Amino acid sequence: MTSKDLVPHLLRTLYALQSEGAIVTLESLTTALAVRRTDVRRAISALHREGCLDALRMRLTLRGLALGAAFAAAPLRPLRRAPLRSVKAA
């Protein structure tokens, strides 16, 4: 999993939770996405630097809200890649 895979899922999850009026925490995001806390924290920091998320209040900015809505309507790549099959030698 890379941050390129995680950020769209994170924005979509934040958009959904914010639309419901739910309180968003780092713990609730890690639980909802089933990923490591460190990865979520790193992605949140990147989104904050880019102006898509207010990390102190855990609220999407207008830019982040637009991206989250776009990702909510689109199919996303899976967070984790399917495991490779082991090849048996003949």
N, C-alpha and C. Protein backbone atom coordinates (compact mmCIF):
# COMPACT_ATOMS: atom_id res chain seq x y z
N MET A 1 0.85 -1.17 0.00
CA MET A 1 0.00 0.00 0.00
C MET A 1 0.89 1.24 0.00
N THR A 2 0.56 2.17 -0.85
CA THR A 2 1.29 3.42 -0.91
C THR A 2 0.37 4.56 -0.50
N SER A 3 0.96 5.73 -0.30
CA SER A 3 0.14 6.88 0.07
C SER A 3 -0.78 7.28 -1.09
N LYS A 4 -0.36 6.98 -2.33
CA LYS A 4 -1.24 7.26 -3.48
C LYS A 4 -2.50 6.41 -3.42
N ASP A 5 -2.40 5.23 -2.83
CA ASP A 5 -3.57 4.37 -2.67
C ASP A 5 -4.41 4.79 -1.47
N LEU A 6 -3.75 5.24 -0.41
CA LEU A 6 -4.43 5.54 0.84
C LEU A 6 -5.19 6.86 0.80
N VAL A 7 -4.61 7.90 0.21
CA VAL A 7 -5.22 9.24 0.26
C VAL A 7 -6.63 9.28 -0.33
N PRO A 8 -6.90 8.70 -1.49
CA PRO A 8 -8.29 8.73 -1.98
C PRO A 8 -9.28 8.03 -1.04
N HIS A 9 -8.87 6.92 -0.46
CA HIS A 9 -9.74 6.23 0.50
C HIS A 9 -9.94 7.07 1.75
N LEU A 10 -8.89 7.73 2.19
CA LEU A 10 -8.98 8.59 3.38
C LEU A 10 -9.91 9.77 3.12
N LEU A 11 -9.78 10.41 1.96
CA LEU A 11 -10.67 11.53 1.63
C LEU A 11 -12.12 11.09 1.52
N ARG A 12 -12.33 9.92 0.91
CA ARG A 12 -13.70 9.41 0.79
C ARG A 12 -14.30 9.10 2.16
N THR A 13 -13.51 8.51 3.04
CA THR A 13 -13.98 8.18 4.38
C THR A 13 -14.25 9.45 5.19
N LEU A 14 -13.34 10.42 5.10
CA LEU A 14 -13.56 11.70 5.79
C LEU A 14 -14.82 12.39 5.27
N TYR A 15 -15.03 12.35 3.97
CA TYR A 15 -16.22 12.96 3.38
C TYR A 15 -17.49 12.29 3.91
N ALA A 16 -17.48 10.97 3.95
CA ALA A 16 -18.66 10.25 4.43
C ALA A 16 -18.93 10.54 5.90
N LEU A 17 -17.89 10.50 6.72
CA LEU A 17 -18.06 10.75 8.15
C LEU A 17 -18.48 12.19 8.42
N GLN A 18 -17.88 13.12 7.70
CA GLN A 18 -18.22 14.53 7.89
C GLN A 18 -19.65 14.80 7.42
N SER A 19 -20.09 14.13 6.38
CA SER A 19 -21.46 14.30 5.89
C SER A 19 -22.48 13.80 6.90
N GLU A 20 -22.11 12.75 7.64
CA GLU A 20 -23.00 12.20 8.67
C GLU A 20 -22.97 13.04 9.95
N GLY A 21 -22.00 13.94 10.07
CA GLY A 21 -21.86 14.74 11.28
C GLY A 21 -21.13 14.01 12.38
N ALA A 22 -20.44 12.94 12.03
CA ALA A 22 -19.72 12.14 13.03
C ALA A 22 -18.44 12.85 13.46
N ILE A 23 -18.01 12.57 14.66
CA ILE A 23 -16.75 13.09 15.17
C ILE A 23 -15.64 12.18 14.65
N VAL A 24 -14.68 12.79 13.97
CA VAL A 24 -13.60 12.03 13.34
C VAL A 24 -12.34 12.14 14.19
N THR A 25 -11.76 11.00 14.48
CA THR A 25 -10.49 10.95 15.20
C THR A 25 -9.53 10.08 14.41
N LEU A 26 -8.28 10.13 14.79
CA LEU A 26 -7.30 9.27 14.17
C LEU A 26 -7.66 7.81 14.36
N GLU A 27 -8.14 7.48 15.53
CA GLU A 27 -8.53 6.10 15.84
C GLU A 27 -9.71 5.64 14.99
N SER A 28 -10.69 6.51 14.81
CA SER A 28 -11.85 6.12 14.00
C SER A 28 -11.46 5.93 12.53
N LEU A 29 -10.52 6.70 12.05
CA LEU A 29 -10.06 6.53 10.67
C LEU A 29 -9.27 5.25 10.49
N THR A 30 -8.40 4.94 11.44
CA THR A 30 -7.63 3.69 11.33
C THR A 30 -8.55 2.48 11.40
N THR A 31 -9.58 2.56 12.20
CA THR A 31 -10.54 1.47 12.31
C THR A 31 -11.37 1.35 11.02
N ALA A 32 -11.82 2.47 10.49
CA ALA A 32 -12.66 2.44 9.29
C ALA A 32 -11.89 1.94 8.07
N LEU A 33 -10.62 2.30 7.99
CA LEU A 33 -9.82 1.91 6.83
C LEU A 33 -9.03 0.62 7.04
N ALA A 34 -8.91 0.19 8.27
CA ALA A 34 -8.15 -1.03 8.61
C ALA A 34 -6.70 -0.94 8.13
N VAL A 35 -6.07 0.19 8.43
CA VAL A 35 -4.66 0.38 8.10
C VAL A 35 -3.91 0.85 9.35
N ARG A 36 -2.59 0.86 9.23
CA ARG A 36 -1.77 1.25 10.38
C ARG A 36 -1.96 2.72 10.72
N ARG A 37 -1.90 3.00 11.99
CA ARG A 37 -2.07 4.36 12.49
C ARG A 37 -1.00 5.30 11.91
N THR A 38 0.22 4.81 11.79
CA THR A 38 1.32 5.61 11.25
C THR A 38 1.04 6.04 9.82
N ASP A 39 0.50 5.14 9.01
CA ASP A 39 0.19 5.48 7.62
C ASP A 39 -0.91 6.53 7.54
N VAL A 40 -1.93 6.40 8.37
CA VAL A 40 -3.02 7.38 8.38
C VAL A 40 -2.51 8.73 8.86
N ARG A 41 -1.69 8.74 9.88
CA ARG A 41 -1.14 10.00 10.41
C ARG A 41 -0.29 10.70 9.35
N ARG A 42 0.52 9.94 8.63
CA ARG A 42 1.36 10.51 7.58
C ARG A 42 0.50 11.10 6.46
N ALA A 43 -0.56 10.41 6.08
CA ALA A 43 -1.45 10.91 5.02
C ALA A 43 -2.21 12.15 5.48
N ILE A 44 -2.61 12.18 6.73
CA ILE A 44 -3.31 13.35 7.28
C ILE A 44 -2.39 14.56 7.26
N SER A 45 -1.14 14.37 7.63
CA SER A 45 -0.18 15.47 7.62
C SER A 45 0.03 16.00 6.20
N ALA A 46 0.10 15.10 5.23
CA ALA A 46 0.28 15.51 3.84
C ALA A 46 -0.95 16.28 3.35
N LEU A 47 -2.14 15.80 3.68
CA LEU A 47 -3.36 16.49 3.28
C LEU A 47 -3.47 17.86 3.94
N HIS A 48 -3.00 17.97 5.17
CA HIS A 48 -3.01 19.26 5.87
C HIS A 48 -2.06 20.24 5.18
N ARG A 49 -0.87 19.78 4.82
CA ARG A 49 0.09 20.65 4.13
C ARG A 49 -0.44 21.12 2.78
N GLU A 50 -1.20 20.27 2.10
CA GLU A 50 -1.74 20.63 0.78
C GLU A 50 -3.03 21.44 0.86
N GLY A 51 -3.55 21.66 2.06
CA GLY A 51 -4.73 22.49 2.21
C GLY A 51 -6.04 21.77 1.98
N CYS A 52 -6.04 20.44 2.08
CA CYS A 52 -7.27 19.67 1.88
C CYS A 52 -7.95 19.31 3.19
N LEU A 53 -7.22 19.44 4.30
CA LEU A 53 -7.73 18.99 5.59
C LEU A 53 -7.20 19.89 6.69
N ASP A 54 -8.05 20.24 7.63
CA ASP A 54 -7.61 20.93 8.83
C ASP A 54 -7.34 19.83 9.86
N ALA A 55 -6.08 19.52 10.06
CA ALA A 55 -5.71 18.40 10.91
C ALA A 55 -6.03 18.63 12.38
N LEU A 56 -6.07 19.88 12.82
CA LEU A 56 -6.39 20.16 14.22
C LEU A 56 -7.84 19.85 14.54
N ARG A 57 -8.72 20.14 13.61
CA ARG A 57 -10.16 19.90 13.81
C ARG A 57 -10.64 18.64 13.11
N MET A 58 -9.76 18.01 12.32
CA MET A 58 -10.10 16.82 11.53
C MET A 58 -11.34 17.08 10.68
N ARG A 59 -11.31 18.22 9.98
CA ARG A 59 -12.40 18.60 9.09
C ARG A 59 -11.82 18.90 7.71
N LEU A 60 -12.51 18.46 6.68
CA LEU A 60 -12.09 18.74 5.32
C LEU A 60 -12.28 20.22 5.01
N THR A 61 -11.36 20.78 4.25
CA THR A 61 -11.54 22.13 3.74
C THR A 61 -12.44 22.03 2.51
N LEU A 62 -12.74 23.16 1.91
CA LEU A 62 -13.60 23.14 0.73
C LEU A 62 -12.95 22.34 -0.39
N ARG A 63 -11.65 22.49 -0.53
CA ARG A 63 -10.91 21.72 -1.54
C ARG A 63 -10.98 20.22 -1.25
N GLY A 64 -10.77 19.86 0.01
CA GLY A 64 -10.84 18.45 0.40
C GLY A 64 -12.24 17.89 0.28
N LEU A 65 -13.22 18.71 0.56
CA LEU A 65 -14.62 18.28 0.44
C LEU A 65 -14.95 17.96 -1.02
N ALA A 66 -14.47 18.79 -1.93
CA ALA A 66 -14.71 18.54 -3.36
C ALA A 66 -14.01 17.25 -3.81
N LEU A 67 -12.78 17.04 -3.34
CA LEU A 67 -12.07 15.82 -3.70
C LEU A 67 -12.74 14.59 -3.09
N GLY A 68 -13.18 14.70 -1.85
CA GLY A 68 -13.86 13.59 -1.20
C GLY A 68 -15.15 13.22 -1.90
N ALA A 69 -15.90 14.22 -2.35
CA ALA A 69 -17.14 13.96 -3.08
C ALA A 69 -16.85 13.29 -4.42
N ALA A 70 -15.78 13.71 -5.07
CA ALA A 70 -15.41 13.10 -6.35
C ALA A 70 -14.98 11.64 -6.14
N PHE A 71 -14.22 11.38 -5.09
CA PHE A 71 -13.79 10.01 -4.83
C PHE A 71 -14.95 9.13 -4.35
N ALA A 72 -15.95 9.74 -3.72
CA ALA A 72 -17.11 8.96 -3.27
C ALA A 72 -17.92 8.44 -4.45
N ALA A 73 -17.88 9.17 -5.55
CA ALA A 73 -18.66 8.78 -6.72
C ALA A 73 -17.88 7.91 -7.70
N ALA A 74 -16.61 7.68 -7.42
CA ALA A 74 -15.77 6.94 -8.37
C ALA A 74 -15.26 5.64 -7.73
N PRO A 75 -15.06 4.62 -8.55
CA PRO A 75 -14.45 3.39 -8.02
C PRO A 75 -12.96 3.64 -7.76
N LEU A 76 -12.48 3.14 -6.64
CA LEU A 76 -11.08 3.34 -6.26
C LEU A 76 -10.32 2.04 -6.34
N ARG A 77 -9.01 2.16 -6.54
CA ARG A 77 -8.16 0.98 -6.49
C ARG A 77 -8.17 0.45 -5.07
N PRO A 78 -8.05 -0.86 -4.91
CA PRO A 78 -8.03 -1.43 -3.56
C PRO A 78 -6.81 -0.94 -2.78
N LEU A 79 -6.97 -0.86 -1.47
CA LEU A 79 -5.85 -0.43 -0.62
C LEU A 79 -4.69 -1.41 -0.68
N ARG A 80 -5.01 -2.67 -0.70
CA ARG A 80 -3.97 -3.69 -0.72
C ARG A 80 -4.04 -4.48 -2.01
N ARG A 81 -2.88 -4.84 -2.49
CA ARG A 81 -2.83 -5.64 -3.71
C ARG A 81 -3.09 -7.10 -3.36
N ALA A 82 -3.63 -7.81 -4.32
CA ALA A 82 -3.87 -9.23 -4.13
C ALA A 82 -2.52 -9.95 -4.02
N PRO A 83 -2.44 -10.94 -3.15
CA PRO A 83 -1.15 -11.66 -3.03
C PRO A 83 -0.82 -12.42 -4.31
N LEU A 84 0.45 -12.46 -4.61
CA LEU A 84 0.90 -13.19 -5.79
C LEU A 84 0.82 -14.69 -5.54
N ARG A 85 0.43 -15.42 -6.56
CA ARG A 85 0.39 -16.87 -6.44
C ARG A 85 1.81 -17.40 -6.48
N SER A 86 2.04 -18.43 -5.73
CA SER A 86 3.35 -19.05 -5.80
C SER A 86 3.41 -19.94 -7.03
N VAL A 87 4.50 -19.90 -7.70
CA VAL A 87 4.66 -20.68 -8.93
C VAL A 87 5.37 -21.97 -8.59
N LYS A 88 4.74 -23.08 -8.97
CA LYS A 88 5.33 -24.40 -8.71
C LYS A 88 6.25 -24.78 -9.85
N ALA A 89 7.40 -25.26 -9.50
CA ALA A 89 8.35 -25.71 -10.52
C ALA A 89 7.91 -27.07 -11.04
N ALA A 90 8.00 -27.26 -12.33
CA ALA A 90 7.56 -28.53 -12.92
C ALA A 90 8.63 -29.59 -12.84
